[in-house]
N, C-alpha and C. Protein backbone atom coordinates (compact mmCIF):
# COMPACT_ATOMS: atom_id res chain seq x y z
N UNK A 1 16.05 58.33 -66.24
CA UNK A 1 15.65 57.49 -67.37
C UNK A 1 14.17 57.70 -67.61
N UNK A 2 13.79 57.84 -68.87
CA UNK A 2 12.40 58.08 -69.24
C UNK A 2 11.74 56.78 -69.63
N UNK A 3 10.45 56.67 -69.31
CA UNK A 3 9.65 55.50 -69.70
C UNK A 3 8.57 55.95 -70.64
N UNK A 4 8.28 55.12 -71.57
CA UNK A 4 7.25 55.47 -72.53
C UNK A 4 6.59 54.25 -73.09
N UNK A 5 5.62 54.46 -73.94
CA UNK A 5 4.93 53.37 -74.61
C UNK A 5 4.17 52.52 -73.61
N UNK A 6 4.37 51.15 -73.74
CA UNK A 6 3.66 50.19 -72.87
C UNK A 6 4.51 49.72 -71.70
N UNK A 7 5.63 50.40 -71.44
CA UNK A 7 6.49 50.01 -70.33
C UNK A 7 5.96 50.60 -69.02
N UNK A 8 5.75 49.72 -68.03
CA UNK A 8 5.25 50.19 -66.73
C UNK A 8 6.09 49.59 -65.60
N UNK A 9 7.37 49.84 -65.54
CA UNK A 9 8.23 49.28 -64.48
C UNK A 9 7.77 49.60 -63.08
N UNK A 10 7.32 50.84 -62.78
CA UNK A 10 6.91 51.11 -61.39
C UNK A 10 5.80 50.18 -60.93
N UNK A 11 4.87 49.89 -61.81
CA UNK A 11 3.77 48.98 -61.46
C UNK A 11 4.29 47.58 -61.20
N UNK A 12 5.21 47.10 -62.08
CA UNK A 12 5.77 45.75 -61.91
C UNK A 12 6.54 45.64 -60.60
N UNK A 13 7.26 46.67 -60.27
CA UNK A 13 8.02 46.66 -59.02
C UNK A 13 7.06 46.56 -57.83
N UNK A 14 5.96 47.27 -57.86
CA UNK A 14 4.97 47.23 -56.78
C UNK A 14 4.36 45.86 -56.65
N UNK A 15 4.06 45.22 -57.82
CA UNK A 15 3.48 43.88 -57.80
C UNK A 15 4.46 42.89 -57.19
N UNK A 16 5.75 42.99 -57.61
CA UNK A 16 6.76 42.07 -57.07
C UNK A 16 6.92 42.27 -55.57
N UNK A 17 6.86 43.52 -55.11
CA UNK A 17 6.97 43.79 -53.68
C UNK A 17 5.81 43.18 -52.91
N UNK A 18 4.59 43.33 -53.46
CA UNK A 18 3.42 42.74 -52.81
C UNK A 18 3.53 41.22 -52.74
N UNK A 19 4.05 40.61 -53.85
CA UNK A 19 4.19 39.16 -53.87
C UNK A 19 5.18 38.69 -52.82
N UNK A 20 6.28 39.40 -52.69
CA UNK A 20 7.29 39.05 -51.68
C UNK A 20 6.72 39.14 -50.27
N UNK A 21 5.97 40.23 -50.01
CA UNK A 21 5.38 40.39 -48.69
C UNK A 21 4.34 39.30 -48.41
N UNK A 22 3.56 38.95 -49.47
CA UNK A 22 2.57 37.90 -49.30
C UNK A 22 3.21 36.55 -49.02
N UNK A 23 4.31 36.26 -49.75
CA UNK A 23 5.03 35.00 -49.53
C UNK A 23 5.61 34.94 -48.13
N UNK A 24 6.16 36.05 -47.66
CA UNK A 24 6.72 36.12 -46.32
C UNK A 24 5.65 35.89 -45.28
N UNK A 25 4.48 36.53 -45.46
CA UNK A 25 3.38 36.35 -44.52
C UNK A 25 2.95 34.89 -44.49
N UNK A 26 2.92 34.24 -45.66
CA UNK A 26 2.51 32.84 -45.74
C UNK A 26 3.48 31.95 -44.98
N UNK A 27 4.78 32.21 -45.14
CA UNK A 27 5.79 31.43 -44.42
C UNK A 27 5.66 31.61 -42.91
N UNK A 28 5.41 32.85 -42.49
CA UNK A 28 5.25 33.12 -41.07
C UNK A 28 4.05 32.38 -40.51
N UNK A 29 2.93 32.40 -41.26
CA UNK A 29 1.73 31.71 -40.81
C UNK A 29 1.97 30.20 -40.71
N UNK A 30 2.70 29.66 -41.72
CA UNK A 30 2.98 28.22 -41.69
C UNK A 30 3.86 27.85 -40.50
N UNK A 31 4.87 28.67 -40.23
CA UNK A 31 5.74 28.41 -39.09
C UNK A 31 4.97 28.47 -37.78
N UNK A 32 4.05 29.44 -37.70
CA UNK A 32 3.24 29.58 -36.50
C UNK A 32 2.35 28.35 -36.30
N UNK A 33 1.73 27.88 -37.40
CA UNK A 33 0.87 26.70 -37.30
C UNK A 33 1.67 25.46 -36.92
N UNK A 34 2.87 25.31 -37.49
CA UNK A 34 3.73 24.18 -37.13
C UNK A 34 4.08 24.23 -35.65
N UNK A 35 4.40 25.44 -35.14
CA UNK A 35 4.75 25.60 -33.73
C UNK A 35 3.59 25.21 -32.84
N UNK A 36 2.38 25.69 -33.19
CA UNK A 36 1.20 25.39 -32.39
C UNK A 36 0.93 23.89 -32.38
N UNK A 37 1.03 23.24 -33.57
CA UNK A 37 0.78 21.81 -33.65
C UNK A 37 1.78 21.02 -32.83
N UNK A 38 3.05 21.43 -32.91
CA UNK A 38 4.09 20.72 -32.15
C UNK A 38 3.86 20.87 -30.65
N UNK A 39 3.44 22.07 -30.23
CA UNK A 39 3.18 22.30 -28.81
C UNK A 39 2.03 21.44 -28.32
N UNK A 40 0.97 21.35 -29.13
CA UNK A 40 -0.19 20.55 -28.74
C UNK A 40 0.16 19.07 -28.67
N UNK A 41 0.92 18.58 -29.67
CA UNK A 41 1.32 17.18 -29.68
C UNK A 41 2.22 16.86 -28.50
N UNK A 42 3.13 17.79 -28.19
CA UNK A 42 4.02 17.58 -27.04
C UNK A 42 3.24 17.49 -25.75
N UNK A 43 2.22 18.36 -25.60
CA UNK A 43 1.40 18.33 -24.40
C UNK A 43 0.62 17.04 -24.29
N UNK A 44 0.08 16.56 -25.44
CA UNK A 44 -0.66 15.31 -25.42
C UNK A 44 0.26 14.15 -25.07
N UNK A 45 1.49 14.17 -25.59
CA UNK A 45 2.45 13.11 -25.28
C UNK A 45 2.76 13.07 -23.80
N UNK A 46 2.92 14.28 -23.19
CA UNK A 46 3.19 14.31 -21.75
C UNK A 46 1.99 13.81 -20.97
N UNK A 47 0.77 14.19 -21.43
CA UNK A 47 -0.43 13.72 -20.74
C UNK A 47 -0.54 12.20 -20.83
N UNK A 48 -0.26 11.65 -22.03
CA UNK A 48 -0.34 10.21 -22.23
C UNK A 48 0.66 9.49 -21.35
N UNK A 49 1.88 10.04 -21.25
CA UNK A 49 2.91 9.43 -20.41
C UNK A 49 2.48 9.43 -18.95
N UNK A 50 1.91 10.57 -18.51
CA UNK A 50 1.45 10.66 -17.12
C UNK A 50 0.35 9.65 -16.84
N UNK A 51 -0.59 9.50 -17.80
CA UNK A 51 -1.68 8.57 -17.61
C UNK A 51 -1.21 7.13 -17.62
N UNK A 52 -0.08 6.85 -18.30
CA UNK A 52 0.41 5.49 -18.44
C UNK A 52 1.12 5.00 -17.18
N UNK A 53 1.50 5.90 -16.28
CA UNK A 53 2.18 5.50 -15.05
C UNK A 53 1.17 4.83 -14.12
N UNK A 54 1.47 3.59 -13.71
CA UNK A 54 0.55 2.83 -12.87
C UNK A 54 0.67 3.29 -11.41
N UNK A 55 -0.44 3.16 -10.71
CA UNK A 55 -0.42 3.45 -9.28
C UNK A 55 0.41 2.40 -8.55
N UNK A 56 0.36 1.16 -9.02
CA UNK A 56 1.14 0.08 -8.41
C UNK A 56 2.23 -0.32 -9.40
N UNK A 57 3.46 0.07 -9.11
CA UNK A 57 4.56 -0.19 -10.02
C UNK A 57 4.96 -1.67 -9.99
N UNK A 58 5.46 -2.15 -11.12
CA UNK A 58 5.91 -3.54 -11.22
C UNK A 58 7.27 -3.70 -10.55
N UNK A 59 7.49 -4.87 -9.97
CA UNK A 59 8.78 -5.17 -9.33
C UNK A 59 9.17 -6.62 -9.58
N UNK A 60 10.47 -6.87 -9.56
CA UNK A 60 11.00 -8.23 -9.71
C UNK A 60 12.10 -8.44 -8.69
N UNK A 61 12.06 -9.58 -8.01
CA UNK A 61 13.11 -9.97 -7.06
C UNK A 61 13.70 -11.28 -7.56
N UNK A 62 15.01 -11.30 -7.74
CA UNK A 62 15.71 -12.52 -8.16
C UNK A 62 16.75 -12.87 -7.12
N UNK A 63 16.75 -14.13 -6.69
CA UNK A 63 17.70 -14.58 -5.67
C UNK A 63 18.21 -15.98 -6.03
N UNK A 64 19.52 -16.14 -6.01
CA UNK A 64 20.11 -17.46 -6.17
C UNK A 64 20.24 -18.11 -4.79
N UNK A 65 19.89 -19.38 -4.73
CA UNK A 65 20.06 -20.18 -3.52
C UNK A 65 20.79 -21.44 -3.97
N UNK A 66 22.12 -21.44 -3.82
CA UNK A 66 22.91 -22.50 -4.44
C UNK A 66 22.79 -22.37 -5.95
N UNK A 67 22.39 -23.46 -6.60
CA UNK A 67 22.17 -23.44 -8.05
C UNK A 67 20.71 -23.17 -8.40
N UNK A 68 19.91 -22.91 -7.40
CA UNK A 68 18.48 -22.67 -7.63
C UNK A 68 18.20 -21.18 -7.78
N UNK A 69 17.53 -20.83 -8.86
CA UNK A 69 17.13 -19.44 -9.07
C UNK A 69 15.68 -19.27 -8.62
N UNK A 70 15.46 -18.26 -7.81
CA UNK A 70 14.11 -17.91 -7.34
C UNK A 70 13.76 -16.54 -7.90
N UNK A 71 12.62 -16.44 -8.58
CA UNK A 71 12.21 -15.17 -9.20
C UNK A 71 10.79 -14.84 -8.76
N UNK A 72 10.62 -13.64 -8.20
CA UNK A 72 9.29 -13.16 -7.79
C UNK A 72 8.94 -11.97 -8.66
N UNK A 73 7.77 -11.98 -9.26
CA UNK A 73 7.28 -10.87 -10.08
C UNK A 73 5.94 -10.41 -9.49
N UNK A 74 5.83 -9.11 -9.26
CA UNK A 74 4.63 -8.61 -8.60
C UNK A 74 4.46 -7.12 -8.84
N UNK A 75 3.25 -6.64 -8.60
CA UNK A 75 2.98 -5.21 -8.58
C UNK A 75 2.96 -4.75 -7.13
N UNK A 76 3.31 -3.46 -6.91
CA UNK A 76 3.59 -2.99 -5.56
C UNK A 76 2.64 -1.86 -5.14
N UNK A 77 1.47 -2.20 -4.59
CA UNK A 77 0.56 -1.15 -4.10
C UNK A 77 1.17 -0.36 -2.96
N UNK A 78 0.68 0.87 -2.79
CA UNK A 78 1.22 1.80 -1.80
C UNK A 78 0.15 2.05 -0.72
N UNK A 79 0.58 2.12 0.53
CA UNK A 79 -0.37 2.28 1.64
C UNK A 79 -1.12 3.61 1.56
N UNK A 80 -0.40 4.71 1.36
CA UNK A 80 -0.99 6.05 1.24
C UNK A 80 -1.92 6.38 2.42
N UNK A 81 -1.49 6.05 3.63
CA UNK A 81 -2.25 6.42 4.81
C UNK A 81 -3.44 5.54 5.12
N UNK A 82 -3.68 4.51 4.31
CA UNK A 82 -4.85 3.66 4.54
C UNK A 82 -4.57 2.60 5.60
N UNK A 83 -5.61 2.22 6.32
CA UNK A 83 -5.50 1.07 7.22
C UNK A 83 -5.52 -0.18 6.34
N UNK A 84 -4.56 -1.06 6.50
CA UNK A 84 -4.39 -2.15 5.55
C UNK A 84 -5.15 -3.41 5.95
N UNK A 85 -4.62 -4.16 6.91
CA UNK A 85 -5.18 -5.47 7.22
C UNK A 85 -6.29 -5.36 8.27
N UNK A 86 -7.39 -6.02 7.92
CA UNK A 86 -8.60 -5.87 8.72
C UNK A 86 -9.48 -4.75 8.20
N UNK A 87 -9.02 -4.04 7.16
CA UNK A 87 -9.80 -2.94 6.57
C UNK A 87 -9.72 -3.02 5.05
N UNK A 88 -8.67 -2.47 4.46
CA UNK A 88 -8.49 -2.57 3.01
C UNK A 88 -8.44 -4.03 2.57
N UNK A 89 -7.70 -4.84 3.32
CA UNK A 89 -7.64 -6.29 3.11
C UNK A 89 -8.37 -6.95 4.28
N UNK A 90 -9.58 -7.45 4.07
CA UNK A 90 -10.37 -7.98 5.20
C UNK A 90 -9.73 -9.24 5.80
N UNK A 91 -9.92 -9.41 7.11
CA UNK A 91 -9.50 -10.65 7.76
C UNK A 91 -10.26 -11.84 7.17
N UNK A 92 -9.56 -12.93 6.96
CA UNK A 92 -10.21 -14.17 6.53
C UNK A 92 -10.54 -14.25 5.06
N UNK A 93 -10.13 -13.27 4.26
CA UNK A 93 -10.43 -13.29 2.83
C UNK A 93 -9.17 -13.60 2.04
N UNK A 94 -9.28 -14.53 1.08
CA UNK A 94 -8.13 -14.89 0.24
C UNK A 94 -7.76 -13.69 -0.63
N UNK A 95 -6.50 -13.36 -0.61
CA UNK A 95 -6.02 -12.10 -1.20
C UNK A 95 -4.70 -12.34 -1.91
N UNK A 96 -4.54 -11.71 -3.07
CA UNK A 96 -3.26 -11.77 -3.76
C UNK A 96 -2.41 -10.58 -3.35
N UNK A 97 -1.23 -10.81 -2.79
CA UNK A 97 -0.39 -9.70 -2.31
C UNK A 97 0.28 -8.96 -3.47
N UNK A 98 -0.48 -8.08 -4.08
CA UNK A 98 0.01 -7.31 -5.22
C UNK A 98 -1.14 -6.56 -5.86
N UNK A 99 -1.09 -6.44 -7.17
CA UNK A 99 -2.15 -5.77 -7.93
C UNK A 99 -2.02 -6.20 -9.38
N UNK A 100 -3.06 -5.92 -10.16
CA UNK A 100 -3.06 -6.26 -11.59
C UNK A 100 -2.90 -7.77 -11.77
N UNK A 101 -1.87 -8.24 -12.47
CA UNK A 101 -1.65 -9.68 -12.59
C UNK A 101 -1.23 -10.24 -11.24
N UNK A 102 -1.58 -11.51 -11.00
CA UNK A 102 -1.27 -12.11 -9.71
C UNK A 102 0.24 -12.20 -9.49
N UNK A 103 0.66 -11.99 -8.27
CA UNK A 103 2.06 -12.15 -7.89
C UNK A 103 2.48 -13.60 -8.13
N UNK A 104 3.68 -13.79 -8.69
CA UNK A 104 4.17 -15.14 -8.96
C UNK A 104 5.54 -15.36 -8.35
N UNK A 105 5.85 -16.61 -8.06
CA UNK A 105 7.18 -17.01 -7.63
C UNK A 105 7.56 -18.25 -8.42
N UNK A 106 8.79 -18.29 -8.91
CA UNK A 106 9.25 -19.40 -9.74
C UNK A 106 10.55 -19.96 -9.17
N UNK A 107 10.65 -21.28 -9.19
CA UNK A 107 11.84 -21.99 -8.71
C UNK A 107 12.41 -22.81 -9.87
N UNK A 108 13.71 -22.71 -10.09
CA UNK A 108 14.32 -23.46 -11.18
C UNK A 108 14.55 -24.93 -10.82
N UNK A 109 14.56 -25.25 -9.54
CA UNK A 109 14.66 -26.64 -9.06
C UNK A 109 13.67 -26.82 -7.91
N UNK A 110 13.50 -28.05 -7.50
CA UNK A 110 12.66 -28.32 -6.34
C UNK A 110 13.28 -27.74 -5.06
N UNK A 111 12.42 -27.32 -4.13
CA UNK A 111 12.89 -26.72 -2.87
C UNK A 111 12.02 -27.24 -1.73
N UNK A 112 12.46 -26.93 -0.52
CA UNK A 112 11.64 -27.12 0.67
C UNK A 112 11.15 -25.75 1.13
N UNK A 113 9.84 -25.61 1.28
CA UNK A 113 9.27 -24.35 1.74
C UNK A 113 8.63 -24.61 3.10
N UNK A 114 9.22 -24.03 4.14
CA UNK A 114 8.78 -24.26 5.52
C UNK A 114 8.72 -25.76 5.82
N UNK A 115 9.69 -26.50 5.29
CA UNK A 115 9.77 -27.94 5.54
C UNK A 115 8.93 -28.80 4.62
N UNK A 116 8.19 -28.20 3.67
CA UNK A 116 7.35 -28.95 2.76
C UNK A 116 7.98 -28.98 1.36
N UNK A 117 8.05 -30.16 0.72
CA UNK A 117 8.65 -30.23 -0.62
C UNK A 117 7.77 -29.54 -1.66
N UNK A 118 8.43 -28.81 -2.56
CA UNK A 118 7.73 -28.12 -3.64
C UNK A 118 8.51 -28.33 -4.94
N UNK A 119 7.87 -28.88 -5.98
CA UNK A 119 8.59 -29.11 -7.24
C UNK A 119 8.98 -27.80 -7.93
N UNK A 120 9.97 -27.90 -8.81
CA UNK A 120 10.32 -26.74 -9.63
C UNK A 120 9.11 -26.29 -10.43
N UNK A 121 9.03 -24.99 -10.67
CA UNK A 121 7.91 -24.47 -11.44
C UNK A 121 7.56 -23.05 -11.03
N UNK A 122 6.48 -22.56 -11.62
CA UNK A 122 6.01 -21.20 -11.38
C UNK A 122 4.65 -21.27 -10.72
N UNK A 123 4.47 -20.47 -9.67
CA UNK A 123 3.24 -20.50 -8.88
C UNK A 123 2.75 -19.08 -8.62
N UNK A 124 1.44 -18.92 -8.54
CA UNK A 124 0.90 -17.64 -8.06
C UNK A 124 0.83 -17.69 -6.53
N UNK A 125 0.92 -16.51 -5.91
CA UNK A 125 1.01 -16.40 -4.45
C UNK A 125 -0.29 -15.78 -3.92
N UNK A 126 -0.86 -16.41 -2.90
CA UNK A 126 -2.09 -15.92 -2.28
C UNK A 126 -1.93 -15.97 -0.78
N UNK A 127 -2.66 -15.15 -0.07
CA UNK A 127 -2.59 -15.11 1.38
C UNK A 127 -3.99 -14.93 1.96
N UNK A 128 -4.18 -15.50 3.15
CA UNK A 128 -5.40 -15.28 3.92
C UNK A 128 -4.97 -14.71 5.26
N UNK A 129 -5.14 -13.42 5.48
CA UNK A 129 -4.66 -12.82 6.74
C UNK A 129 -5.66 -12.99 7.88
N UNK A 130 -5.11 -13.26 9.05
CA UNK A 130 -5.86 -13.27 10.30
C UNK A 130 -5.02 -12.52 11.33
N UNK A 131 -5.62 -12.02 12.37
CA UNK A 131 -4.83 -11.30 13.38
C UNK A 131 -3.73 -12.15 14.00
N UNK A 132 -3.98 -13.46 14.18
CA UNK A 132 -3.02 -14.31 14.89
C UNK A 132 -2.16 -15.17 13.97
N UNK A 133 -2.65 -15.51 12.79
CA UNK A 133 -1.89 -16.39 11.88
C UNK A 133 -2.34 -16.12 10.45
N UNK A 134 -1.43 -16.35 9.52
CA UNK A 134 -1.72 -16.16 8.10
C UNK A 134 -1.58 -17.49 7.36
N UNK A 135 -2.45 -17.68 6.39
CA UNK A 135 -2.30 -18.80 5.47
C UNK A 135 -1.64 -18.29 4.19
N UNK A 136 -0.56 -18.94 3.79
CA UNK A 136 0.14 -18.61 2.55
C UNK A 136 -0.08 -19.75 1.56
N UNK A 137 -0.54 -19.42 0.37
CA UNK A 137 -0.90 -20.42 -0.63
C UNK A 137 -0.05 -20.21 -1.88
N UNK A 138 0.51 -21.30 -2.38
CA UNK A 138 1.15 -21.30 -3.70
C UNK A 138 0.26 -22.11 -4.63
N UNK A 139 -0.18 -21.47 -5.71
CA UNK A 139 -1.15 -22.09 -6.62
C UNK A 139 -0.49 -22.45 -7.95
N UNK A 140 -0.87 -23.60 -8.51
CA UNK A 140 -0.36 -24.00 -9.83
C UNK A 140 -0.89 -23.10 -10.93
N UNK A 141 -1.97 -22.38 -10.67
CA UNK A 141 -2.52 -21.43 -11.65
C UNK A 141 -1.67 -20.16 -11.60
N UNK A 142 -0.59 -20.15 -12.37
CA UNK A 142 0.40 -19.08 -12.23
C UNK A 142 0.00 -17.80 -12.96
N UNK A 143 -0.38 -17.91 -14.22
CA UNK A 143 -0.62 -16.72 -15.04
C UNK A 143 -2.09 -16.33 -15.01
N UNK A 144 -2.49 -15.71 -13.90
CA UNK A 144 -3.88 -15.30 -13.71
C UNK A 144 -3.92 -13.87 -13.20
N UNK A 145 -5.11 -13.29 -13.15
CA UNK A 145 -5.31 -11.96 -12.61
C UNK A 145 -5.33 -12.04 -11.09
N UNK A 146 -5.21 -10.88 -10.42
CA UNK A 146 -5.11 -10.91 -8.96
C UNK A 146 -6.44 -11.23 -8.27
N UNK A 147 -7.49 -11.33 -9.03
CA UNK A 147 -8.78 -11.77 -8.52
C UNK A 147 -9.57 -12.35 -9.70
N UNK A 148 -10.32 -13.44 -9.49
CA UNK A 148 -10.58 -14.15 -8.24
C UNK A 148 -9.50 -15.21 -7.96
N UNK A 149 -9.50 -15.72 -6.73
CA UNK A 149 -8.59 -16.79 -6.35
C UNK A 149 -8.95 -18.07 -7.11
N UNK A 150 -7.96 -18.74 -7.72
CA UNK A 150 -8.25 -19.96 -8.51
C UNK A 150 -8.44 -21.19 -7.62
N UNK A 151 -9.67 -21.52 -7.35
CA UNK A 151 -9.98 -22.65 -6.47
C UNK A 151 -9.47 -23.97 -7.07
N UNK A 152 -9.05 -24.86 -6.17
CA UNK A 152 -8.68 -26.21 -6.59
C UNK A 152 -7.34 -26.35 -7.27
N UNK A 153 -6.49 -25.32 -7.23
CA UNK A 153 -5.19 -25.37 -7.89
C UNK A 153 -4.02 -25.28 -6.91
N UNK A 154 -4.30 -25.45 -5.62
CA UNK A 154 -3.23 -25.29 -4.62
C UNK A 154 -2.12 -26.32 -4.81
N UNK A 155 -0.88 -25.83 -4.78
CA UNK A 155 0.28 -26.72 -4.74
C UNK A 155 0.77 -26.86 -3.30
N UNK A 156 0.57 -25.81 -2.48
CA UNK A 156 1.06 -25.82 -1.11
C UNK A 156 0.31 -24.78 -0.29
N UNK A 157 0.00 -25.15 0.96
CA UNK A 157 -0.59 -24.22 1.92
C UNK A 157 0.25 -24.24 3.19
N UNK A 158 0.54 -23.05 3.71
CA UNK A 158 1.34 -22.92 4.93
C UNK A 158 0.59 -22.07 5.94
N UNK A 159 0.78 -22.38 7.22
CA UNK A 159 0.26 -21.54 8.29
C UNK A 159 1.46 -20.87 8.95
N UNK A 160 1.53 -19.54 8.88
CA UNK A 160 2.68 -18.80 9.38
C UNK A 160 2.23 -17.67 10.30
N UNK A 161 3.09 -17.33 11.25
CA UNK A 161 2.76 -16.28 12.21
C UNK A 161 3.25 -14.93 11.70
N UNK A 162 2.39 -13.91 11.69
CA UNK A 162 2.83 -12.58 11.29
C UNK A 162 3.64 -11.92 12.40
N UNK A 163 4.45 -10.96 12.03
CA UNK A 163 5.22 -10.17 12.99
C UNK A 163 5.02 -8.70 12.68
N UNK A 164 5.28 -7.87 13.68
CA UNK A 164 5.23 -6.42 13.49
C UNK A 164 6.64 -5.89 13.25
N UNK A 165 6.74 -4.89 12.39
CA UNK A 165 8.03 -4.30 12.10
C UNK A 165 7.88 -2.84 11.73
N UNK A 166 8.97 -2.24 11.29
CA UNK A 166 8.92 -0.85 10.86
C UNK A 166 8.00 -0.70 9.65
N UNK A 167 7.40 0.47 9.54
CA UNK A 167 6.44 0.72 8.47
C UNK A 167 7.10 0.61 7.11
N UNK A 168 6.47 -0.15 6.22
CA UNK A 168 6.88 -0.25 4.83
C UNK A 168 5.77 0.31 3.96
N UNK A 169 5.99 1.46 3.37
CA UNK A 169 4.94 2.16 2.64
C UNK A 169 4.48 1.39 1.41
N UNK A 170 5.41 0.80 0.70
CA UNK A 170 5.10 0.08 -0.54
C UNK A 170 5.28 -1.41 -0.32
N UNK A 171 4.28 -2.19 -0.73
CA UNK A 171 4.32 -3.65 -0.56
C UNK A 171 5.62 -4.21 -1.11
N UNK A 172 6.27 -5.08 -0.32
CA UNK A 172 7.62 -5.53 -0.65
C UNK A 172 7.80 -7.01 -0.37
N UNK A 173 8.51 -7.69 -1.29
CA UNK A 173 9.06 -9.02 -1.04
C UNK A 173 10.58 -8.88 -1.05
N UNK A 174 11.25 -9.47 -0.08
CA UNK A 174 12.71 -9.40 -0.06
C UNK A 174 13.27 -10.59 0.72
N UNK A 175 14.56 -10.82 0.56
CA UNK A 175 15.26 -11.91 1.23
C UNK A 175 16.21 -11.33 2.27
N UNK A 176 15.78 -11.20 3.53
CA UNK A 176 16.68 -10.67 4.56
C UNK A 176 17.76 -11.67 4.97
N UNK A 177 17.51 -12.96 4.71
CA UNK A 177 18.47 -14.00 5.06
C UNK A 177 18.70 -14.91 3.85
N UNK A 178 19.97 -15.05 3.47
CA UNK A 178 20.40 -16.04 2.48
C UNK A 178 21.70 -16.62 3.01
N UNK A 179 21.64 -17.86 3.47
CA UNK A 179 22.78 -18.43 4.18
C UNK A 179 22.95 -19.89 3.76
N UNK A 180 23.95 -20.16 2.90
CA UNK A 180 24.17 -21.52 2.43
C UNK A 180 22.96 -22.06 1.71
N UNK A 181 22.42 -23.20 2.14
CA UNK A 181 21.25 -23.78 1.46
C UNK A 181 19.92 -23.20 1.94
N UNK A 182 19.97 -22.27 2.88
CA UNK A 182 18.74 -21.75 3.48
C UNK A 182 18.54 -20.26 3.18
N UNK A 183 17.28 -19.88 3.11
CA UNK A 183 16.93 -18.48 2.92
C UNK A 183 15.58 -18.21 3.55
N UNK A 184 15.31 -16.94 3.79
CA UNK A 184 14.01 -16.51 4.30
C UNK A 184 13.46 -15.45 3.35
N UNK A 185 12.28 -15.70 2.83
CA UNK A 185 11.57 -14.72 2.02
C UNK A 185 10.59 -13.99 2.92
N UNK A 186 10.66 -12.66 2.90
CA UNK A 186 9.78 -11.86 3.76
C UNK A 186 8.82 -11.02 2.92
N UNK A 187 7.55 -11.15 3.26
CA UNK A 187 6.51 -10.24 2.75
C UNK A 187 6.34 -9.13 3.78
N UNK A 188 6.29 -7.87 3.33
CA UNK A 188 6.15 -6.75 4.27
C UNK A 188 5.33 -5.64 3.63
N UNK A 189 4.34 -5.20 4.39
CA UNK A 189 3.53 -4.04 3.97
C UNK A 189 2.95 -3.41 5.21
N UNK A 190 2.99 -2.08 5.25
CA UNK A 190 2.60 -1.41 6.48
C UNK A 190 3.55 -1.84 7.59
N UNK A 191 3.01 -2.25 8.72
CA UNK A 191 3.82 -2.71 9.84
C UNK A 191 3.75 -4.23 10.01
N UNK A 192 3.26 -4.92 8.98
CA UNK A 192 3.09 -6.37 9.05
C UNK A 192 4.13 -7.08 8.20
N UNK A 193 4.73 -8.14 8.78
CA UNK A 193 5.69 -8.97 8.07
C UNK A 193 5.30 -10.44 8.21
N UNK A 194 5.53 -11.20 7.14
CA UNK A 194 5.35 -12.65 7.18
C UNK A 194 6.60 -13.26 6.57
N UNK A 195 7.24 -14.17 7.31
CA UNK A 195 8.49 -14.78 6.88
C UNK A 195 8.23 -16.20 6.36
N UNK A 196 8.80 -16.51 5.20
CA UNK A 196 8.63 -17.84 4.59
C UNK A 196 10.01 -18.48 4.47
N UNK A 197 10.34 -19.48 5.31
CA UNK A 197 11.64 -20.13 5.22
C UNK A 197 11.71 -21.09 4.03
N UNK A 198 12.88 -21.13 3.40
CA UNK A 198 13.11 -21.98 2.23
C UNK A 198 14.45 -22.68 2.38
N UNK A 199 14.57 -23.85 1.72
CA UNK A 199 15.83 -24.58 1.80
C UNK A 199 15.96 -25.47 0.56
N UNK A 200 17.19 -25.64 0.12
CA UNK A 200 17.48 -26.58 -0.96
C UNK A 200 18.34 -27.70 -0.43
N UNK A 201 18.36 -28.82 -1.14
CA UNK A 201 19.22 -29.93 -0.77
C UNK A 201 20.55 -29.78 -1.48
N UNK A 202 21.63 -29.81 -0.73
CA UNK A 202 22.96 -29.73 -1.32
C UNK A 202 23.40 -31.12 -1.74
N UNK A 203 24.00 -31.21 -2.91
CA UNK A 203 24.51 -32.50 -3.39
C UNK A 203 25.74 -32.89 -2.60
N UNK A 204 25.87 -34.18 -2.34
CA UNK A 204 27.04 -34.68 -1.63
C UNK A 204 28.27 -34.51 -2.50
N UNK A 205 29.42 -34.06 -1.92
CA UNK A 205 30.63 -33.87 -2.73
C UNK A 205 31.19 -35.21 -3.22
C-alpha cells in the first residue's frame, strides 16, 4: 500500500507505541511504590505491636466461694533472674504486689479474712515483707497506681507468716484450696509464698 500527501501512519504508529510503553512504565512504577509503602507500613505495624506488649502482663483470677464472687486483677512482673525480696523489694517497705495499676481484690459479699470481718467491696492490695513475717494490707483506695501507698485508707491489716516453695517465675495469685465456705488465697513469687485464709458465713437451711 502506498502513502502519500499528508498521511504519516508510520510516525503515528511509533507515537502510539511510545505512549503504550510509557503507560506501562508508569503502572510498573506505581505498583512498585505501592509495594514499598505497604512493606514499610507493615513493618511499622509490627514494631508498634512489639512495643505495645507490656513487660508485666495483666491477669485476672475469679473464684466463687458459695454465692460470693472473688475477683483479683493485677499485673504480673517476672523475676528474670533477679533477687526479689530483700533486694528488688526491700524489707520493711510497703509494696504493691504487681505493676502499673495497683493490684485489686473485690468481694461481692462480706467475708472473713484470716478471722477478721471485711465488708463487700473492692480493695487495693499492699504488702510489707520481712524475713520472718509479712504484713498484708487491704486498702479502701482501690483504683490507684502501684505507687505511692495510699496512707490512711486501710480497711484491714494482717500479720502472716511467709513460706518457701517451688520457684514461681511470674508473680501469681491463686486459690490452692476451695472447700465449702473456706478458701485459701496464695501469693507466690520466686520461692516465697504467703497464704491468706478466707471464709464466708453459710445461711442456715
